[in-house]
Each structure stands twice: as C-alpha cells, then as structure tokens.
C-alpha atoms as a PDB file:
ATOM      1  CA  MET A   1     -36.802  16.527-105.540  1.00  0.00           C
ATOM      2  CA  GLY A   2     -40.944  15.988-106.345  1.00  0.00           C
ATOM      3  CA  ILE A   3     -43.438  18.824-107.263  1.00  0.00           C
ATOM      4  CA  SER A   4     -45.347  18.834-103.600  1.00  0.00           C
ATOM      5  CA  LYS A   5     -48.776  18.652-105.639  1.00  0.00           C
ATOM      6  CA  THR A   6     -50.785  21.091-102.971  1.00  0.00           C
ATOM      7  CA  GLU A   7     -53.475  21.377-105.356  1.00  0.00           C
ATOM      8  CA  LEU A   8     -54.292  17.554-104.474  1.00  0.00           C
ATOM      9  CA  PHE A   9     -55.382  18.980-100.627  1.00  0.00           C
ATOM     10  CA  ASN A  10     -57.902  21.422 -99.117  1.00  0.00           C
ATOM     11  CA  ALA A  11     -56.701  24.820 -98.092  1.00  0.00           C
ATOM     12  CA  ARG A  12     -56.655  24.073 -94.146  1.00  0.00           C
ATOM     13  CA  GLN A  13     -54.504  20.962 -95.229  1.00  0.00           C
ATOM     14  CA  ASN A  14     -52.276  23.460 -97.407  1.00  0.00           C
ATOM     15  CA  GLU A  15     -52.164  26.188 -94.494  1.00  0.00           C
ATOM     16  CA  ILE A  16     -51.619  23.900 -91.708  1.00  0.00           C
ATOM     17  CA  ALA A  17     -48.566  22.372 -93.513  1.00  0.00           C
ATOM     18  CA  GLN A  18     -46.946  25.881 -94.630  1.00  0.00           C
ATOM     19  CA  VAL A  19     -47.359  27.026 -91.308  1.00  0.00           C
ATOM     20  CA  ALA A  20     -45.900  24.042 -89.380  1.00  0.00           C
ATOM     21  CA  LYS A  21     -42.820  24.259 -91.867  1.00  0.00           C
ATOM     22  CA  VAL A  22     -42.110  27.945 -90.986  1.00  0.00           C
ATOM     23  CA  LEU A  23     -42.306  27.026 -87.010  1.00  0.00           C
ATOM     24  CA  ALA A  24     -40.125  23.884 -87.800  1.00  0.00           C
ATOM     25  CA  HIS A  25     -37.242  25.934 -87.275  1.00  0.00           C
ATOM     26  CA  PRO A  26     -35.847  25.974 -83.602  1.00  0.00           C
ATOM     27  CA  ALA A  27     -34.702  29.818 -84.226  1.00  0.00           C
ATOM     28  CA  ARG A  28     -37.953  31.009 -85.417  1.00  0.00           C
ATOM     29  CA  VAL A  29     -39.684  29.575 -82.224  1.00  0.00           C
ATOM     30  CA  ALA A  30     -37.376  31.203 -80.227  1.00  0.00           C
ATOM     31  CA  ILE A  31     -38.008  34.396 -82.177  1.00  0.00           C
ATOM     32  CA  LEU A  32     -41.762  34.047 -81.688  1.00  0.00           C
ATOM     33  CA  GLN A  33     -41.414  32.898 -78.059  1.00  0.00           C
ATOM     34  CA  TYR A  34     -39.576  36.149 -77.497  1.00  0.00           C
ATOM     35  CA  ILE A  35     -41.478  38.443 -79.359  1.00  0.00           C
ATOM     36  CA  SER A  36     -44.919  37.422 -78.175  1.00  0.00           C
ATOM     37  CA  THR A  37     -43.781  38.214 -74.569  1.00  0.00           C
ATOM     38  CA  GLN A  38     -42.558  41.781 -75.159  1.00  0.00           C
ATOM     39  CA  ASP A  39     -45.285  44.861 -74.398  1.00  0.00           C
ATOM     40  CA  ALA A  40     -43.883  46.637 -77.708  1.00  0.00           C
ATOM     41  CA  CYS A  41     -42.556  45.978 -81.152  1.00  0.00           C
ATOM     42  CA  ILE A  42     -39.097  44.504 -81.319  1.00  0.00           C
ATOM     43  CA  CYS A  43     -36.589  46.864 -83.517  1.00  0.00           C
ATOM     44  CA  SER A  44     -33.101  44.893 -82.663  1.00  0.00           C
ATOM     45  CA  ASP A  45     -33.032  43.227 -79.689  1.00  0.00           C
ATOM     46  CA  LEU A  46     -33.559  39.780 -82.030  1.00  0.00           C
ATOM     47  CA  VAL A  47     -29.634  39.807 -82.435  1.00  0.00           C
ATOM     48  CA  GLN A  48     -28.765  40.128 -78.772  1.00  0.00           C
ATOM     49  CA  GLU A  49     -31.502  37.683 -77.694  1.00  0.00           C
ATOM     50  CA  THR A  50     -30.944  34.459 -80.047  1.00  0.00           C
ATOM     51  CA  GLY A  51     -26.827  34.913 -80.870  1.00  0.00           C
ATOM     52  CA  LEU A  52     -28.081  34.820 -84.200  1.00  0.00           C
ATOM     53  CA  ALA A  53     -26.224  37.353 -87.140  1.00  0.00           C
ATOM     54  CA  GLN A  54     -28.734  40.250 -88.161  1.00  0.00           C
ATOM     55  CA  ALA A  55     -28.815  38.984 -91.722  1.00  0.00           C
ATOM     56  CA  THR A  56     -29.874  35.315 -90.214  1.00  0.00           C
ATOM     57  CA  ILE A  57     -32.512  36.739 -88.251  1.00  0.00           C
ATOM     58  CA  SER A  58     -33.603  38.638 -91.209  1.00  0.00           C
ATOM     59  CA  GLN A  59     -34.327  35.579 -93.224  1.00  0.00           C
ATOM     60  CA  HIS A  60     -36.023  34.157 -90.269  1.00  0.00           C
ATOM     61  CA  LEU A  61     -38.360  36.966 -89.983  1.00  0.00           C
ATOM     62  CA  ALA A  62     -39.264  37.168 -93.631  1.00  0.00           C
ATOM     63  CA  GLU A  63     -40.114  33.399 -93.054  1.00  0.00           C
ATOM     64  CA  ILE A  64     -42.542  34.484 -90.139  1.00  0.00           C
ATOM     65  CA  LYS A  65     -44.066  37.542 -91.850  1.00  0.00           C
ATOM     66  CA  LYS A  66     -44.752  35.314 -94.760  1.00  0.00           C
ATOM     67  CA  ILE A  67     -47.416  33.424 -92.840  1.00  0.00           C
ATOM     68  CA  GLY A  68     -48.590  36.529 -91.416  1.00  0.00           C
ATOM     69  CA  LEU A  69     -47.673  35.789 -87.799  1.00  0.00           C
ATOM     70  CA  ILE A  70     -45.719  39.396 -87.533  1.00  0.00           C
ATOM     71  CA  THR A  71     -46.019  42.669 -88.750  1.00  0.00           C
ATOM     72  CA  GLY A  72     -43.425  44.919 -89.604  1.00  0.00           C
ATOM     73  CA  GLU A  73     -43.130  48.727 -89.803  1.00  0.00           C
ATOM     74  CA  ILE A  74     -40.045  51.081 -90.594  1.00  0.00           C
ATOM     75  CA  GLN A  75     -39.551  53.449 -87.600  1.00  0.00           C
ATOM     76  CA  GLY A  76     -36.519  55.458 -88.781  1.00  0.00           C
ATOM     77  CA  LYS A  77     -33.832  53.449 -89.629  1.00  0.00           C
ATOM     78  CA  ASN A  78     -34.841  50.235 -88.049  1.00  0.00           C
ATOM     79  CA  ARG A  79     -38.037  47.974 -89.198  1.00  0.00           C
ATOM     80  CA  CYS A  80     -39.653  46.886 -85.813  1.00  0.00           C
ATOM     81  CA  TYR A  81     -41.932  43.492 -85.508  1.00  0.00           C
ATOM     82  CA  CYS A  82     -45.029  42.911 -83.670  1.00  0.00           C
ATOM     83  CA  ILE A  83     -47.011  39.684 -83.197  1.00  0.00           C
ATOM     84  CA  ASP A  84     -50.372  39.867 -85.517  1.00  0.00           C
ATOM     85  CA  LYS A  85     -52.569  39.024 -82.510  1.00  0.00           C
ATOM     86  CA  GLY A  86     -55.449  38.270 -85.117  1.00  0.00           C
ATOM     87  CA  ARG A  87     -53.442  35.936 -87.367  1.00  0.00           C
ATOM     88  CA  TRP A  88     -51.881  34.053 -83.571  1.00  0.00           C
ATOM     89  CA  GLU A  89     -55.442  33.312 -82.619  1.00  0.00           C
ATOM     90  CA  ALA A  90     -56.701  32.018 -86.046  1.00  0.00           C
ATOM     91  CA  LEU A  91     -53.675  29.893 -86.079  1.00  0.00           C
ATOM     92  CA  GLN A  92     -54.239  28.813 -82.645  1.00  0.00           C
ATOM     93  CA  GLU A  93     -57.521  27.884 -83.762  1.00  0.00           C
ATOM     94  CA  LEU A  94     -56.708  26.093 -86.692  1.00  0.00           C
ATOM     95  CA  PHE A  95     -54.223  23.521 -84.783  1.00  0.00           C
ATOM     96  CA  GLN A  96     -56.792  23.021 -81.997  1.00  0.00           C
ATOM     97  CA  GLU A  97     -59.296  22.018 -84.823  1.00  0.00           C
ATOM     98  CA  PHE A  98     -56.424  19.660 -86.453  1.00  0.00           C
ATOM     99  CA  PHE A  99     -55.279  18.164 -83.099  1.00  0.00           C
ATOM    100  CA  SER A 100     -58.882  17.909 -81.840  1.00  0.00           C
ATOM    101  CA  ASN A 101     -60.678  16.007 -84.723  1.00  0.00           C
ATOM    102  CA  ILE A 102     -58.003  13.103 -84.443  1.00  0.00           C
ATOM    103  CA  GLN A 103     -59.463   9.668 -83.779  1.00  0.00           C
ATOM    104  CA  ILE A 104     -56.895   8.372 -81.515  1.00  0.00           C
ATOM    105  CA  GLN A 105     -57.048   4.572 -82.018  1.00  0.00           C
ATOM    106  CA  CYS A 106     -54.691   1.512 -81.239  1.00  0.00           C
ATOM    107  CA  CYS A 107     -53.399  -1.001 -83.509  1.00  0.00           C
END
C-alpha cells in the first residue's frame, strides 16, 4: 500500500478526507446518530442499541473521538460520551462549503 502524500493537499482537503474516512463506517454513523438524539451523555447504552460488542464500540468511539465529534469523561467506572456541538457545527459548515462550491457541469 502506498503513502497517501497528504502534504500535497491543503488543510481543508485533508480534514474533509479524514472526517469522511471516519464516517465511512456504518457502525460509526449509527453511534453518532444515537448519541446525537440523546438528552444526556451516553455511558453504556451503545451495546444494547447497536448490537456490537463493547470492545468494537470502544474502537469506533476512539476513531470518532480522533476527529473531535465526541467528548468523553469518566463517571465512576464508565466513560460517558456526548456530541461536541461546536465541532459538529464546524464540520457541517466544512461539508456545506465543499458541496456548495462544486460547479455541476455535464459532459
């Protein structure tokens, strides 16, 4: 497998690609959808909600956390997660800008 050569691309292009890579997994999309509809931080509902093993969920949460879409804090024995609203809104703007700047031309 070759090197991605991310240094050839600007920061916005790299950020879009990094976020898109994280969102490319349906389990991560399902996790984000579930967390984003809750009124409080999520501590242990994800296993029951998704049907995935705790270890698998933990791996997905770590990937989502890398792009800053969720924050986590320890409450007792549990790590609880919430959507980072500021980051969520920033990524909405990033993708809106990306999709709205494309000139659609037919061949």
